Amino acid sequence: MGYRTVNKPALALMALLAILFLVPASSLEWQPDVAHSGEWWRMVTGHLVHLNGWHLALNLAGLAVVLALYPRFLPLAPLATALFWLTLFISLGLLALLPELPGYRGFSGCLHGLAAILAIRGFREDRVFSASILVLLAGKLVIESVGLGLADTTNLIGGPVVWQAHALGLAGGLVFAGLSLLTPRTPRQSSPE
């Protein structure tokens, strides 16, 4: 193991999440009427704000774990594109699946999506490891979908765990990664990162 450079896109994302914690989250959270109210930005910003400091800390820790598993994180432009896709995919999915959900805050759905994207990208280098990550994510979602282990997290973060956002994030990540595999690459894009 040699010296690793600091992953600037990942640090920028962590800093953004921390800075947005200082902004009143109620002005940025996702709400089901965003499409009708004209506040469309909430479809993106709702995934970048949190219920409390514990909620933020859990998501930052999760992002650190994903970064440790996949140190060759996405460069800034693909990261921004992936996050934009994931926020819209999850937001529209929540509108379709949970129209009664009064609001949503949190990065965890996007985190599941990023983990899926990086796992798919990692298949070229280590199929077993990447497949294991995807199986673990799917297993986590099964456990969450039956309500196991959610009560403690709900108490800690000050609100319900919306496991459907995690599932939508995973699905959105798989779709994004699949579409990116179908996109023709230029010689510059196919060079190692």
C-alpha atoms as a PDB file:
ATOM      1  CA  MET A   1       0.000   0.000   0.000  1.00  0.00           C
ATOM      2  CA  GLY A   2       1.523   3.257  -1.043  1.00  0.00           C
ATOM      3  CA  TYR A   3       0.546   6.771  -0.185  1.00  0.00           C
ATOM      4  CA  ARG A   4      -3.003   7.609  -1.261  1.00  0.00           C
ATOM      5  CA  THR A   5      -3.928  11.086  -2.314  1.00  0.00           C
ATOM      6  CA  VAL A   6      -6.893  12.735  -0.684  1.00  0.00           C
ATOM      7  CA  ASN A   7     -10.064  12.131  -2.665  1.00  0.00           C
ATOM      8  CA  LYS A   8     -11.184  15.698  -3.299  1.00  0.00           C
ATOM      9  CA  PRO A   9     -14.657  14.937  -4.752  1.00  0.00           C
ATOM     10  CA  ALA A  10     -15.529  12.778  -1.732  1.00  0.00           C
ATOM     11  CA  LEU A  11     -14.235  15.421   0.690  1.00  0.00           C
ATOM     12  CA  ALA A  12     -16.174  18.111  -1.179  1.00  0.00           C
ATOM     13  CA  LEU A  13     -19.345  16.033  -0.856  1.00  0.00           C
ATOM     14  CA  MET A  14     -18.751  15.521   2.870  1.00  0.00           C
ATOM     15  CA  ALA A  15     -18.131  19.251   3.302  1.00  0.00           C
ATOM     16  CA  LEU A  16     -21.320  20.089   1.383  1.00  0.00           C
ATOM     17  CA  LEU A  17     -23.381  17.805   3.625  1.00  0.00           C
ATOM     18  CA  ALA A  18     -21.813  19.350   6.739  1.00  0.00           C
ATOM     19  CA  ILE A  19     -22.347  22.936   5.525  1.00  0.00           C
ATOM     20  CA  LEU A  20     -25.970  22.286   4.580  1.00  0.00           C
ATOM     21  CA  PHE A  21     -26.528  21.011   8.123  1.00  0.00           C
ATOM     22  CA  LEU A  22     -26.161  24.659   9.196  1.00  0.00           C
ATOM     23  CA  VAL A  23     -29.034  25.748   6.918  1.00  0.00           C
ATOM     24  CA  PRO A  24     -32.625  25.378   8.164  1.00  0.00           C
ATOM     25  CA  ALA A  25     -33.478  21.947   6.741  1.00  0.00           C
ATOM     26  CA  SER A  26     -37.180  22.735   6.570  1.00  0.00           C
ATOM     27  CA  SER A  27     -36.470  25.069   3.643  1.00  0.00           C
ATOM     28  CA  LEU A  28     -34.673  22.326   1.703  1.00  0.00           C
ATOM     29  CA  GLU A  29     -36.368  19.040   2.671  1.00  0.00           C
ATOM     30  CA  TRP A  30     -38.223  16.919   0.123  1.00  0.00           C
ATOM     31  CA  GLN A  31     -41.992  17.228   0.291  1.00  0.00           C
ATOM     32  CA  PRO A  32     -44.631  15.451  -1.806  1.00  0.00           C
ATOM     33  CA  ASP A  33     -46.015  18.680  -3.236  1.00  0.00           C
ATOM     34  CA  VAL A  34     -42.679  19.882  -4.663  1.00  0.00           C
ATOM     35  CA  ALA A  35     -43.804  19.276  -8.222  1.00  0.00           C
ATOM     36  CA  HIS A  36     -46.862  21.463  -7.725  1.00  0.00           C
ATOM     37  CA  SER A  37     -45.384  24.165  -5.495  1.00  0.00           C
ATOM     38  CA  GLY A  38     -42.651  25.235  -7.905  1.00  0.00           C
ATOM     39  CA  GLU A  39     -39.945  24.396  -5.351  1.00  0.00           C
ATOM     40  CA  TRP A  40     -38.447  21.716  -7.605  1.00  0.00           C
ATOM     41  CA  TRP A  41     -34.972  22.075  -6.054  1.00  0.00           C
ATOM     42  CA  ARG A  42     -36.257  20.201  -2.995  1.00  0.00           C
ATOM     43  CA  MET A  43     -36.184  17.036  -5.119  1.00  0.00           C
ATOM     44  CA  VAL A  44     -32.390  17.393  -4.948  1.00  0.00           C
ATOM     45  CA  THR A  45     -31.737  19.265  -1.699  1.00  0.00           C
ATOM     46  CA  GLY A  46     -33.945  17.018   0.412  1.00  0.00           C
ATOM     47  CA  HIS A  47     -31.281  14.348   0.049  1.00  0.00           C
ATOM     48  CA  LEU A  48     -28.536  16.677   1.268  1.00  0.00           C
ATOM     49  CA  VAL A  49     -30.082  17.777   4.583  1.00  0.00           C
ATOM     50  CA  HIS A  50     -30.584  15.754   7.748  1.00  0.00           C
ATOM     51  CA  LEU A  51     -32.917  15.406  10.725  1.00  0.00           C
ATOM     52  CA  ASN A  52     -30.217  15.944  13.363  1.00  0.00           C
ATOM     53  CA  GLY A  53     -26.489  15.652  13.987  1.00  0.00           C
ATOM     54  CA  TRP A  54     -26.670  11.886  14.501  1.00  0.00           C
ATOM     55  CA  HIS A  55     -28.399  11.486  11.150  1.00  0.00           C
ATOM     56  CA  LEU A  56     -25.648  13.492   9.454  1.00  0.00           C
ATOM     57  CA  ALA A  57     -22.927  11.578  11.334  1.00  0.00           C
ATOM     58  CA  LEU A  58     -24.362   8.208  10.277  1.00  0.00           C
ATOM     59  CA  ASN A  59     -24.442   9.270   6.628  1.00  0.00           C
ATOM     60  CA  LEU A  60     -20.928  10.733   6.754  1.00  0.00           C
ATOM     61  CA  ALA A  61     -19.697   7.497   8.357  1.00  0.00           C
ATOM     62  CA  GLY A  62     -21.463   5.506   5.637  1.00  0.00           C
ATOM     63  CA  LEU A  63     -19.832   7.647   2.968  1.00  0.00           C
ATOM     64  CA  ALA A  64     -16.444   7.086   4.622  1.00  0.00           C
ATOM     65  CA  VAL A  65     -17.052   3.311   4.536  1.00  0.00           C
ATOM     66  CA  VAL A  66     -17.974   3.439   0.836  1.00  0.00           C
ATOM     67  CA  LEU A  67     -14.846   5.502   0.194  1.00  0.00           C
ATOM     68  CA  ALA A  68     -12.730   2.972   2.114  1.00  0.00           C
ATOM     69  CA  LEU A  69     -14.232   0.100   0.106  1.00  0.00           C
ATOM     70  CA  TYR A  70     -13.773   1.927  -3.192  1.00  0.00           C
ATOM     71  CA  PRO A  71     -10.874   4.386  -2.786  1.00  0.00           C
ATOM     72  CA  ARG A  72     -10.991   5.215  -6.507  1.00  0.00           C
ATOM     73  CA  PHE A  73     -14.189   7.160  -5.970  1.00  0.00           C
ATOM     74  CA  LEU A  74     -15.961   8.871  -8.843  1.00  0.00           C
ATOM     75  CA  PRO A  75     -14.295  12.005 -10.237  1.00  0.00           C
ATOM     76  CA  LEU A  76     -16.202  15.239  -9.618  1.00  0.00           C
ATOM     77  CA  ALA A  77     -18.233  15.469 -12.853  1.00  0.00           C
ATOM     78  CA  PRO A  78     -19.423  11.826 -12.820  1.00  0.00           C
ATOM     79  CA  LEU A  79     -20.102  12.115  -9.070  1.00  0.00           C
ATOM     80  CA  ALA A  80     -22.255  15.214  -9.586  1.00  0.00           C
ATOM     81  CA  THR A  81     -24.086  13.541 -12.479  1.00  0.00           C
ATOM     82  CA  ALA A  82     -24.677  10.371 -10.451  1.00  0.00           C
ATOM     83  CA  LEU A  83     -25.940  12.328  -7.434  1.00  0.00           C
ATOM     84  CA  PHE A  84     -28.288  14.417  -9.563  1.00  0.00           C
ATOM     85  CA  TRP A  85     -29.674  11.239 -11.153  1.00  0.00           C
ATOM     86  CA  LEU A  86     -30.043   9.508  -7.781  1.00  0.00           C
ATOM     87  CA  THR A  87     -31.819  12.435  -6.119  1.00  0.00           C
ATOM     88  CA  LEU A  88     -34.346  12.663  -8.936  1.00  0.00           C
ATOM     89  CA  PHE A  89     -34.797   8.883  -9.178  1.00  0.00           C
ATOM     90  CA  ILE A  90     -35.416   8.587  -5.432  1.00  0.00           C
ATOM     91  CA  SER A  91     -37.643  11.681  -5.260  1.00  0.00           C
ATOM     92  CA  LEU A  92     -39.846  10.572  -8.136  1.00  0.00           C
ATOM     93  CA  GLY A  93     -39.939   7.062  -6.707  1.00  0.00           C
ATOM     94  CA  LEU A  94     -41.063   8.383  -3.323  1.00  0.00           C
ATOM     95  CA  LEU A  95     -43.791  10.398  -5.040  1.00  0.00           C
ATOM     96  CA  ALA A  96     -45.002   7.269  -6.831  1.00  0.00           C
ATOM     97  CA  LEU A  97     -44.641   4.747  -4.004  1.00  0.00           C
ATOM     98  CA  LEU A  98     -45.289   6.859  -0.892  1.00  0.00           C
ATOM     99  CA  PRO A  99     -47.452   9.839  -1.871  1.00  0.00           C
ATOM    100  CA  GLU A 100     -48.602  10.072   1.766  1.00  0.00           C
ATOM    101  CA  LEU A 101     -45.015  10.619   3.031  1.00  0.00           C
ATOM    102  CA  PRO A 102     -45.089  14.143   4.532  1.00  0.00           C
ATOM    103  CA  GLY A 103     -41.395  14.866   4.028  1.00  0.00           C
ATOM    104  CA  TYR A 104     -37.963  13.362   3.637  1.00  0.00           C
ATOM    105  CA  ARG A 105     -34.449  14.331   4.643  1.00  0.00           C
ATOM    106  CA  GLY A 106     -31.284  12.340   4.294  1.00  0.00           C
ATOM    107  CA  PHE A 107     -28.432  11.150   2.140  1.00  0.00           C
ATOM    108  CA  SER A 108     -28.788   7.427   2.811  1.00  0.00           C
ATOM    109  CA  GLY A 109     -30.754   6.646  -0.356  1.00  0.00           C
ATOM    110  CA  CYS A 110     -28.049   8.326  -2.436  1.00  0.00           C
ATOM    111  CA  LEU A 111     -25.432   6.491  -0.388  1.00  0.00           C
ATOM    112  CA  HIS A 112     -26.992   3.150  -1.326  1.00  0.00           C
ATOM    113  CA  GLY A 113     -27.002   4.276  -4.964  1.00  0.00           C
ATOM    114  CA  LEU A 114     -23.358   5.363  -4.895  1.00  0.00           C
ATOM    115  CA  ALA A 115     -22.366   2.034  -3.336  1.00  0.00           C
ATOM    116  CA  ALA A 116     -24.212   0.217  -6.137  1.00  0.00           C
ATOM    117  CA  ILE A 117     -22.580   2.348  -8.843  1.00  0.00           C
ATOM    118  CA  LEU A 118     -19.109   1.771  -7.421  1.00  0.00           C
ATOM    119  CA  ALA A 119     -19.756  -1.956  -6.983  1.00  0.00           C
ATOM    120  CA  ILE A 120     -20.809  -2.277 -10.629  1.00  0.00           C
ATOM    121  CA  ARG A 121     -17.744  -0.296 -11.714  1.00  0.00           C
ATOM    122  CA  GLY A 122     -15.612  -2.547  -9.520  1.00  0.00           C
ATOM    123  CA  PHE A 123     -16.765  -5.725 -11.264  1.00  0.00           C
ATOM    124  CA  ARG A 124     -13.912  -5.345 -13.759  1.00  0.00           C
ATOM    125  CA  GLU A 125     -11.330  -5.585 -10.974  1.00  0.00           C
ATOM    126  CA  ASP A 126     -12.918  -7.928  -8.418  1.00  0.00           C
ATOM    127  CA  ARG A 127     -16.197  -9.617  -9.249  1.00  0.00           C
ATOM    128  CA  VAL A 128     -16.489 -11.501  -5.957  1.00  0.00           C
ATOM    129  CA  PHE A 129     -15.945  -8.404  -3.808  1.00  0.00           C
ATOM    130  CA  SER A 130     -18.343  -6.264  -5.831  1.00  0.00           C
ATOM    131  CA  ALA A 131     -20.991  -8.986  -5.940  1.00  0.00           C
ATOM    132  CA  SER A 132     -20.626  -9.373  -2.165  1.00  0.00           C
ATOM    133  CA  ILE A 133     -21.258  -5.654  -1.670  1.00  0.00           C
ATOM    134  CA  LEU A 134     -24.414  -5.835  -3.794  1.00  0.00           C
ATOM    135  CA  VAL A 135     -25.644  -8.924  -1.919  1.00  0.00           C
ATOM    136  CA  LEU A 136     -25.005  -7.201   1.431  1.00  0.00           C
ATOM    137  CA  LEU A 137     -26.927  -4.118   0.281  1.00  0.00           C
ATOM    138  CA  ALA A 138     -29.831  -6.273  -0.895  1.00  0.00           C
ATOM    139  CA  GLY A 139     -29.796  -8.209   2.377  1.00  0.00           C
ATOM    140  CA  LYS A 140     -29.811  -4.969   4.359  1.00  0.00           C
ATOM    141  CA  LEU A 141     -32.868  -3.829   2.415  1.00  0.00           C
ATOM    142  CA  VAL A 142     -34.696  -7.089   3.092  1.00  0.00           C
ATOM    143  CA  ILE A 143     -34.000  -6.701   6.817  1.00  0.00           C
ATOM    144  CA  GLU A 144     -35.168  -3.073   6.754  1.00  0.00           C
ATOM    145  CA  SER A 145     -38.289  -3.897   4.752  1.00  0.00           C
ATOM    146  CA  VAL A 146     -39.542  -6.190   7.517  1.00  0.00           C
ATOM    147  CA  GLY A 147     -38.761  -3.565  10.155  1.00  0.00           C
ATOM    148  CA  LEU A 148     -35.849  -5.268  11.899  1.00  0.00           C
ATOM    149  CA  GLY A 149     -33.408  -2.923  13.615  1.00  0.00           C
ATOM    150  CA  LEU A 150     -35.193   0.271  12.640  1.00  0.00           C
ATOM    151  CA  ALA A 151     -36.505   1.311  16.073  1.00  0.00           C
ATOM    152  CA  ASP A 152     -33.095   2.212  17.510  1.00  0.00           C
ATOM    153  CA  THR A 153     -32.108   4.135  14.392  1.00  0.00           C
ATOM    154  CA  THR A 154     -35.456   5.952  14.375  1.00  0.00           C
ATOM    155  CA  ASN A 155     -34.887   7.047  17.981  1.00  0.00           C
ATOM    156  CA  LEU A 156     -31.320   8.124  17.243  1.00  0.00           C
ATOM    157  CA  ILE A 157     -32.052  10.193  14.135  1.00  0.00           C
ATOM    158  CA  GLY A 158     -35.308  11.688  15.389  1.00  0.00           C
ATOM    159  CA  GLY A 159     -37.545  10.380  12.628  1.00  0.00           C
ATOM    160  CA  PRO A 160     -38.558   7.257  10.748  1.00  0.00           C
ATOM    161  CA  VAL A 161     -36.144   5.361   8.543  1.00  0.00           C
ATOM    162  CA  VAL A 162     -37.601   5.451   5.032  1.00  0.00           C
ATOM    163  CA  TRP A 163     -36.202   2.151   3.808  1.00  0.00           C
ATOM    164  CA  GLN A 164     -37.958   2.669   0.481  1.00  0.00           C
ATOM    165  CA  ALA A 165     -35.524   5.530  -0.211  1.00  0.00           C
ATOM    166  CA  HIS A 166     -32.666   3.088   0.358  1.00  0.00           C
ATOM    167  CA  ALA A 167     -34.250   0.613  -2.065  1.00  0.00           C
ATOM    168  CA  LEU A 168     -34.857   3.340  -4.632  1.00  0.00           C
ATOM    169  CA  GLY A 169     -31.256   4.494  -4.230  1.00  0.00           C
ATOM    170  CA  LEU A 170     -29.971   0.984  -4.846  1.00  0.00           C
ATOM    171  CA  ALA A 171     -32.249   0.592  -7.878  1.00  0.00           C
ATOM    172  CA  GLY A 172     -31.271   4.026  -9.191  1.00  0.00           C
ATOM    173  CA  GLY A 173     -27.594   3.197  -8.766  1.00  0.00           C
ATOM    174  CA  LEU A 174     -27.988  -0.067 -10.659  1.00  0.00           C
ATOM    175  CA  VAL A 175     -29.844   1.698 -13.489  1.00  0.00           C
ATOM    176  CA  PHE A 176     -27.262   4.511 -13.634  1.00  0.00           C
ATOM    177  CA  ALA A 177     -24.352   2.053 -13.659  1.00  0.00           C
ATOM    178  CA  GLY A 178     -26.070  -0.081 -16.291  1.00  0.00           C
ATOM    179  CA  LEU A 179     -26.711   2.911 -18.523  1.00  0.00           C
ATOM    180  CA  SER A 180     -23.146   4.143 -18.108  1.00  0.00           C
ATOM    181  CA  LEU A 181     -21.851   0.726 -19.195  1.00  0.00           C
ATOM    182  CA  LEU A 182     -23.873   1.093 -22.404  1.00  0.00           C
ATOM    183  CA  THR A 183     -22.478   4.563 -23.123  1.00  0.00           C
ATOM    184  CA  PRO A 184     -19.617   4.549 -25.647  1.00  0.00           C
ATOM    185  CA  ARG A 185     -16.372   5.697 -24.076  1.00  0.00           C
ATOM    186  CA  THR A 186     -13.838   8.012 -25.636  1.00  0.00           C
ATOM    187  CA  PRO A 187     -10.149   7.058 -25.234  1.00  0.00           C
ATOM    188  CA  ARG A 188      -9.801   9.618 -22.416  1.00  0.00           C
ATOM    189  CA  GLN A 189     -12.789   8.160 -20.524  1.00  0.00           C
ATOM    190  CA  SER A 190     -11.461   4.624 -20.694  1.00  0.00           C
ATOM    191  CA  SER A 191      -8.051   5.513 -19.247  1.00  0.00           C
ATOM    192  CA  PRO A 192      -7.408   4.575 -15.603  1.00  0.00           C
ATOM    193  CA  GLU A 193      -8.447   7.114 -12.981  1.00  0.00           C
END
